[in-house]
Amino acid sequence: VQISQVAVNFIASMQYNTFRQAEG
């Protein structure tokens, strides 16, 4: 299960850090 866990951790972090404000 660690394969999927690490992969989701990785893309979730990138998404969280990239999309920061919705129309202000």
PDB file of all heavy atoms in Angstrom:
ATOM      1  N   VAL A   1       0.818  -1.215   0.000  1.00  0.00           N
ATOM      2  CA  VAL A   1       0.000   0.000   0.000  1.00  0.00           C
ATOM      3  C   VAL A   1       0.850   1.263   0.000  1.00  0.00           C
ATOM      4  O   VAL A   1       0.380   2.338  -0.387  1.00  0.00           O
ATOM      5  CB  VAL A   1      -0.956   0.019   1.222  1.00  0.00           C
ATOM      6  CG1 VAL A   1      -1.952  -1.113   1.124  1.00  0.00           C
ATOM      7  CG2 VAL A   1      -0.171  -0.056   2.528  1.00  0.00           C
ATOM      8  N   GLN A   2       2.108   1.138   0.419  1.00  0.00           N
ATOM      9  CA  GLN A   2       2.977   2.313   0.486  1.00  0.00           C
ATOM     10  C   GLN A   2       3.201   2.949  -0.888  1.00  0.00           C
ATOM     11  O   GLN A   2       3.435   4.156  -0.983  1.00  0.00           O
ATOM     12  CB  GLN A   2       4.327   1.938   1.091  1.00  0.00           C
ATOM     13  CG  GLN A   2       4.280   1.559   2.550  1.00  0.00           C
ATOM     14  CD  GLN A   2       3.855   0.120   2.785  1.00  0.00           C
ATOM     15  OE1 GLN A   2       3.626  -0.632   1.832  1.00  0.00           O
ATOM     16  NE2 GLN A   2       3.774  -0.286   4.039  1.00  0.00           N
ATOM     17  N   ILE A   3       3.115   2.144  -1.953  1.00  0.00           N
ATOM     18  CA  ILE A   3       3.306   2.678  -3.307  1.00  0.00           C
ATOM     19  C   ILE A   3       2.259   3.752  -3.590  1.00  0.00           C
ATOM     20  O   ILE A   3       2.582   4.875  -4.006  1.00  0.00           O
ATOM     21  CB  ILE A   3       3.216   1.551  -4.352  1.00  0.00           C
ATOM     22  CG1 ILE A   3       4.349   0.544  -4.152  1.00  0.00           C
ATOM     23  CG2 ILE A   3       3.238   2.129  -5.765  1.00  0.00           C
ATOM     24  CD1 ILE A   3       4.257  -0.670  -5.049  1.00  0.00           C
ATOM     25  N   SER A   4       1.014   3.403  -3.350  1.00  0.00           N
ATOM     26  CA  SER A   4      -0.073   4.347  -3.597  1.00  0.00           C
ATOM     27  C   SER A   4      -0.044   5.502  -2.611  1.00  0.00           C
ATOM     28  O   SER A   4      -0.298   6.659  -2.978  1.00  0.00           O
ATOM     29  CB  SER A   4      -1.425   3.625  -3.515  1.00  0.00           C
ATOM     30  OG  SER A   4      -1.503   2.602  -4.471  1.00  0.00           O
ATOM     31  N   GLN A   5       0.279   5.199  -1.365  1.00  0.00           N
ATOM     32  CA  GLN A   5       0.298   6.242  -0.340  1.00  0.00           C
ATOM     33  C   GLN A   5       1.314   7.330  -0.673  1.00  0.00           C
ATOM     34  O   GLN A   5       1.012   8.528  -0.623  1.00  0.00           O
ATOM     35  CB  GLN A   5       0.609   5.632   1.025  1.00  0.00           C
ATOM     36  CG  GLN A   5      -0.509   4.776   1.598  1.00  0.00           C
ATOM     37  CD  GLN A   5      -0.101   4.099   2.900  1.00  0.00           C
ATOM     38  OE1 GLN A   5       0.987   4.338   3.422  1.00  0.00           O
ATOM     39  NE2 GLN A   5      -0.963   3.257   3.429  1.00  0.00           N
ATOM     40  N   VAL A   6       2.526   6.915  -0.998  1.00  0.00           N
ATOM     41  CA  VAL A   6       3.588   7.876  -1.297  1.00  0.00           C
ATOM     42  C   VAL A   6       3.249   8.680  -2.545  1.00  0.00           C
ATOM     43  O   VAL A   6       3.478   9.903  -2.600  1.00  0.00           O
ATOM     44  CB  VAL A   6       4.945   7.159  -1.457  1.00  0.00           C
ATOM     45  CG1 VAL A   6       5.987   8.098  -2.052  1.00  0.00           C
ATOM     46  CG2 VAL A   6       5.418   6.632  -0.110  1.00  0.00           C
ATOM     47  N   ALA A   7       2.688   8.021  -3.557  1.00  0.00           N
ATOM     48  CA  ALA A   7       2.328   8.718  -4.795  1.00  0.00           C
ATOM     49  C   ALA A   7       1.271   9.794  -4.531  1.00  0.00           C
ATOM     50  O   ALA A   7       1.382  10.926  -5.027  1.00  0.00           O
ATOM     51  CB  ALA A   7       1.816   7.722  -5.827  1.00  0.00           C
ATOM     52  N   VAL A   8       0.248   9.461  -3.747  1.00  0.00           N
ATOM     53  CA  VAL A   8      -0.804  10.433  -3.433  1.00  0.00           C
ATOM     54  C   VAL A   8      -0.250  11.544  -2.546  1.00  0.00           C
ATOM     55  O   VAL A   8      -0.586  12.725  -2.719  1.00  0.00           O
ATOM     56  CB  VAL A   8      -2.016   9.739  -2.778  1.00  0.00           C
ATOM     57  CG1 VAL A   8      -3.042  10.772  -2.315  1.00  0.00           C
ATOM     58  CG2 VAL A   8      -2.654   8.765  -3.750  1.00  0.00           C
ATOM     59  N   ASN A   9       0.612  11.180  -1.590  1.00  0.00           N
ATOM     60  CA  ASN A   9       1.273  12.203  -0.772  1.00  0.00           C
ATOM     61  C   ASN A   9       1.989  13.228  -1.648  1.00  0.00           C
ATOM     62  O   ASN A   9       1.881  14.442  -1.429  1.00  0.00           O
ATOM     63  CB  ASN A   9       2.317  11.555   0.154  1.00  0.00           C
ATOM     64  CG  ASN A   9       1.707  10.892   1.364  1.00  0.00           C
ATOM     65  OD1 ASN A   9       0.757  11.393   1.937  1.00  0.00           O
ATOM     66  ND2 ASN A   9       2.242   9.752   1.748  1.00  0.00           N
ATOM     67  N   PHE A  10       2.704  12.734  -2.626  1.00  0.00           N
ATOM     68  CA  PHE A  10       3.532  13.576  -3.482  1.00  0.00           C
ATOM     69  C   PHE A  10       2.696  14.546  -4.313  1.00  0.00           C
ATOM     70  O   PHE A  10       2.939  15.758  -4.327  1.00  0.00           O
ATOM     71  CB  PHE A  10       4.375  12.675  -4.383  1.00  0.00           C
ATOM     72  CG  PHE A  10       5.352  13.414  -5.250  1.00  0.00           C
ATOM     73  CD1 PHE A  10       6.434  14.083  -4.704  1.00  0.00           C
ATOM     74  CD2 PHE A  10       5.200  13.431  -6.629  1.00  0.00           C
ATOM     75  CE1 PHE A  10       7.349  14.756  -5.499  1.00  0.00           C
ATOM     76  CE2 PHE A  10       6.102  14.109  -7.432  1.00  0.00           C
ATOM     77  CZ  PHE A  10       7.174  14.776  -6.869  1.00  0.00           C
ATOM     78  N   ILE A  11       1.671  14.020  -5.004  1.00  0.00           N
ATOM     79  CA  ILE A  11       0.876  14.901  -5.868  1.00  0.00           C
ATOM     80  C   ILE A  11      -0.034  15.818  -5.049  1.00  0.00           C
ATOM     81  O   ILE A  11      -0.305  16.955  -5.453  1.00  0.00           O
ATOM     82  CB  ILE A  11       0.054  14.099  -6.909  1.00  0.00           C
ATOM     83  CG1 ILE A  11      -0.938  13.154  -6.231  1.00  0.00           C
ATOM     84  CG2 ILE A  11       0.981  13.350  -7.848  1.00  0.00           C
ATOM     85  CD1 ILE A  11      -1.854  12.453  -7.231  1.00  0.00           C
ATOM     86  N   ALA A  12      -0.476  15.344  -3.875  1.00  0.00           N
ATOM     87  CA  ALA A  12      -1.309  16.193  -3.021  1.00  0.00           C
ATOM     88  C   ALA A  12      -0.512  17.395  -2.525  1.00  0.00           C
ATOM     89  O   ALA A  12      -1.020  18.516  -2.469  1.00  0.00           O
ATOM     90  CB  ALA A  12      -1.858  15.394  -1.841  1.00  0.00           C
ATOM     91  N   SER A  13       0.734  17.169  -2.179  1.00  0.00           N
ATOM     92  CA  SER A  13       1.583  18.258  -1.713  1.00  0.00           C
ATOM     93  C   SER A  13       1.822  19.280  -2.812  1.00  0.00           C
ATOM     94  O   SER A  13       1.741  20.496  -2.583  1.00  0.00           O
ATOM     95  CB  SER A  13       2.928  17.700  -1.227  1.00  0.00           C
ATOM     96  OG  SER A  13       3.799  18.754  -0.865  1.00  0.00           O
ATOM     97  N   MET A  14       2.104  18.814  -4.013  1.00  0.00           N
ATOM     98  CA  MET A  14       2.323  19.735  -5.128  1.00  0.00           C
ATOM     99  C   MET A  14       1.060  20.537  -5.417  1.00  0.00           C
ATOM    100  O   MET A  14       1.127  21.746  -5.685  1.00  0.00           O
ATOM    101  CB  MET A  14       2.770  18.961  -6.371  1.00  0.00           C
ATOM    102  CG  MET A  14       4.184  18.410  -6.273  1.00  0.00           C
ATOM    103  SD  MET A  14       4.869  17.920  -7.884  1.00  0.00           S
ATOM    104  CE  MET A  14       3.796  16.536  -8.290  1.00  0.00           C
ATOM    105  N   GLN A  15      -0.082  19.879  -5.367  1.00  0.00           N
ATOM    106  CA  GLN A  15      -1.340  20.583  -5.635  1.00  0.00           C
ATOM    107  C   GLN A  15      -1.632  21.618  -4.556  1.00  0.00           C
ATOM    108  O   GLN A  15      -2.030  22.749  -4.853  1.00  0.00           O
ATOM    109  CB  GLN A  15      -2.484  19.571  -5.712  1.00  0.00           C
ATOM    110  CG  GLN A  15      -3.825  20.212  -6.035  1.00  0.00           C
ATOM    111  CD  GLN A  15      -4.920  19.190  -6.185  1.00  0.00           C
ATOM    112  OE1 GLN A  15      -4.834  18.277  -7.008  1.00  0.00           O
ATOM    113  NE2 GLN A  15      -5.969  19.316  -5.388  1.00  0.00           N
ATOM    114  N   TYR A  16      -1.432  21.234  -3.301  1.00  0.00           N
ATOM    115  CA  TYR A  16      -1.675  22.149  -2.182  1.00  0.00           C
ATOM    116  C   TYR A  16      -0.792  23.387  -2.275  1.00  0.00           C
ATOM    117  O   TYR A  16      -1.234  24.514  -2.022  1.00  0.00           O
ATOM    118  CB  TYR A  16      -1.421  21.399  -0.868  1.00  0.00           C
ATOM    119  CG  TYR A  16      -1.536  22.249   0.382  1.00  0.00           C
ATOM    120  CD1 TYR A  16      -2.566  23.157   0.554  1.00  0.00           C
ATOM    121  CD2 TYR A  16      -0.601  22.111   1.410  1.00  0.00           C
ATOM    122  CE1 TYR A  16      -2.665  23.916   1.711  1.00  0.00           C
ATOM    123  CE2 TYR A  16      -0.692  22.868   2.568  1.00  0.00           C
ATOM    124  CZ  TYR A  16      -1.729  23.772   2.709  1.00  0.00           C
ATOM    125  OH  TYR A  16      -1.818  24.531   3.854  1.00  0.00           O
ATOM    126  N   ASN A  17       0.461  23.191  -2.663  1.00  0.00           N
ATOM    127  CA  ASN A  17       1.405  24.300  -2.744  1.00  0.00           C
ATOM    128  C   ASN A  17       1.197  25.159  -3.991  1.00  0.00           C
ATOM    129  O   ASN A  17       1.628  26.306  -4.028  1.00  0.00           O
ATOM    130  CB  ASN A  17       2.841  23.768  -2.730  1.00  0.00           C
ATOM    131  CG  ASN A  17       3.863  24.859  -2.483  1.00  0.00           C
ATOM    132  OD1 ASN A  17       3.708  25.680  -1.573  1.00  0.00           O
ATOM    133  ND2 ASN A  17       4.903  24.908  -3.311  1.00  0.00           N
ATOM    134  N   THR A  18       0.545  24.619  -5.003  1.00  0.00           N
ATOM    135  CA  THR A  18       0.372  25.329  -6.268  1.00  0.00           C
ATOM    136  C   THR A  18      -0.909  26.156  -6.308  1.00  0.00           C
ATOM    137  O   THR A  18      -0.907  27.317  -6.707  1.00  0.00           O
ATOM    138  CB  THR A  18       0.377  24.329  -7.441  1.00  0.00           C
ATOM    139  OG1 THR A  18       1.632  23.649  -7.478  1.00  0.00           O
ATOM    140  CG2 THR A  18       0.143  25.041  -8.765  1.00  0.00           C
ATOM    141  N   PHE A  19      -2.012  25.540  -5.885  1.00  0.00           N
ATOM    142  CA  PHE A  19      -3.303  26.229  -5.929  1.00  0.00           C
ATOM    143  C   PHE A  19      -3.588  26.819  -4.553  1.00  0.00           C
ATOM    144  O   PHE A  19      -3.963  26.098  -3.622  1.00  0.00           O
ATOM    145  CB  PHE A  19      -4.404  25.254  -6.349  1.00  0.00           C
ATOM    146  CG  PHE A  19      -4.232  24.748  -7.750  1.00  0.00           C
ATOM    147  CD1 PHE A  19      -3.519  23.576  -7.998  1.00  0.00           C
ATOM    148  CD2 PHE A  19      -4.757  25.445  -8.824  1.00  0.00           C
ATOM    149  CE1 PHE A  19      -3.345  23.106  -9.292  1.00  0.00           C
ATOM    150  CE2 PHE A  19      -4.588  24.995 -10.124  1.00  0.00           C
ATOM    151  CZ  PHE A  19      -3.886  23.823 -10.356  1.00  0.00           C
ATOM    152  N   ARG A  20      -3.401  28.138  -4.427  1.00  0.00           N
ATOM    153  CA  ARG A  20      -3.428  28.776  -3.113  1.00  0.00           C
ATOM    154  C   ARG A  20      -4.605  29.723  -2.892  1.00  0.00           C
ATOM    155  O   ARG A  20      -5.055  29.875  -1.760  1.00  0.00           O
ATOM    156  CB  ARG A  20      -2.123  29.546  -2.886  1.00  0.00           C
ATOM    157  CG  ARG A  20      -0.883  28.675  -2.950  1.00  0.00           C
ATOM    158  CD  ARG A  20       0.364  29.484  -2.663  1.00  0.00           C
ATOM    159  NE  ARG A  20       1.571  28.688  -2.808  1.00  0.00           N
ATOM    160  CZ  ARG A  20       2.798  29.152  -2.595  1.00  0.00           C
ATOM    161  NH1 ARG A  20       2.963  30.419  -2.227  1.00  0.00           N
ATOM    162  NH2 ARG A  20       3.848  28.374  -2.749  1.00  0.00           N
ATOM    163  N   GLN A  21      -5.063  30.378  -3.960  1.00  0.00           N
ATOM    164  CA  GLN A  21      -6.155  31.338  -3.790  1.00  0.00           C
ATOM    165  C   GLN A  21      -7.178  31.187  -4.900  1.00  0.00           C
ATOM    166  O   GLN A  21      -6.822  31.142  -6.079  1.00  0.00           O
ATOM    167  CB  GLN A  21      -5.627  32.776  -3.780  1.00  0.00           C
ATOM    168  CG  GLN A  21      -4.875  33.160  -2.521  1.00  0.00           C
ATOM    169  CD  GLN A  21      -4.625  34.652  -2.430  1.00  0.00           C
ATOM    170  OE1 GLN A  21      -5.267  35.450  -3.102  1.00  0.00           O
ATOM    171  NE2 GLN A  21      -3.685  35.035  -1.578  1.00  0.00           N
ATOM    172  N   ALA A  22      -8.435  31.117  -4.514  1.00  0.00           N
ATOM    173  CA  ALA A  22      -9.530  31.071  -5.471  1.00  0.00           C
ATOM    174  C   ALA A  22     -10.142  32.454  -5.572  1.00  0.00           C
ATOM    175  O   ALA A  22     -10.856  32.896  -4.674  1.00  0.00           O
ATOM    176  CB  ALA A  22     -10.585  30.056  -5.029  1.00  0.00           C
ATOM    177  N   GLU A  23      -9.805  33.153  -6.649  1.00  0.00           N
ATOM    178  CA  GLU A  23     -10.317  34.504  -6.892  1.00  0.00           C
ATOM    179  C   GLU A  23     -10.134  35.398  -5.660  1.00  0.00           C
ATOM    180  O   GLU A  23     -11.060  36.069  -5.210  1.00  0.00           O
ATOM    181  CB  GLU A  23     -11.770  34.450  -7.341  1.00  0.00           C
ATOM    182  CG  GLU A  23     -11.939  33.725  -8.668  1.00  0.00           C
ATOM    183  CD  GLU A  23     -13.359  33.704  -9.186  1.00  0.00           C
ATOM    184  OE1 GLU A  23     -14.187  34.505  -8.693  1.00  0.00           O
ATOM    185  OE2 GLU A  23     -13.640  32.899 -10.085  1.00  0.00           O
ATOM    186  N   GLY A  24      -8.919  35.352  -5.112  1.00  0.00           N
ATOM    187  CA  GLY A  24      -8.564  36.231  -4.010  1.00  0.00           C
ATOM    188  C   GLY A  24      -8.767  35.668  -2.621  1.00  0.00           C
ATOM    189  O   GLY A  24      -8.322  36.269  -1.642  1.00  0.00           O
TER     190      GLY A  24
END
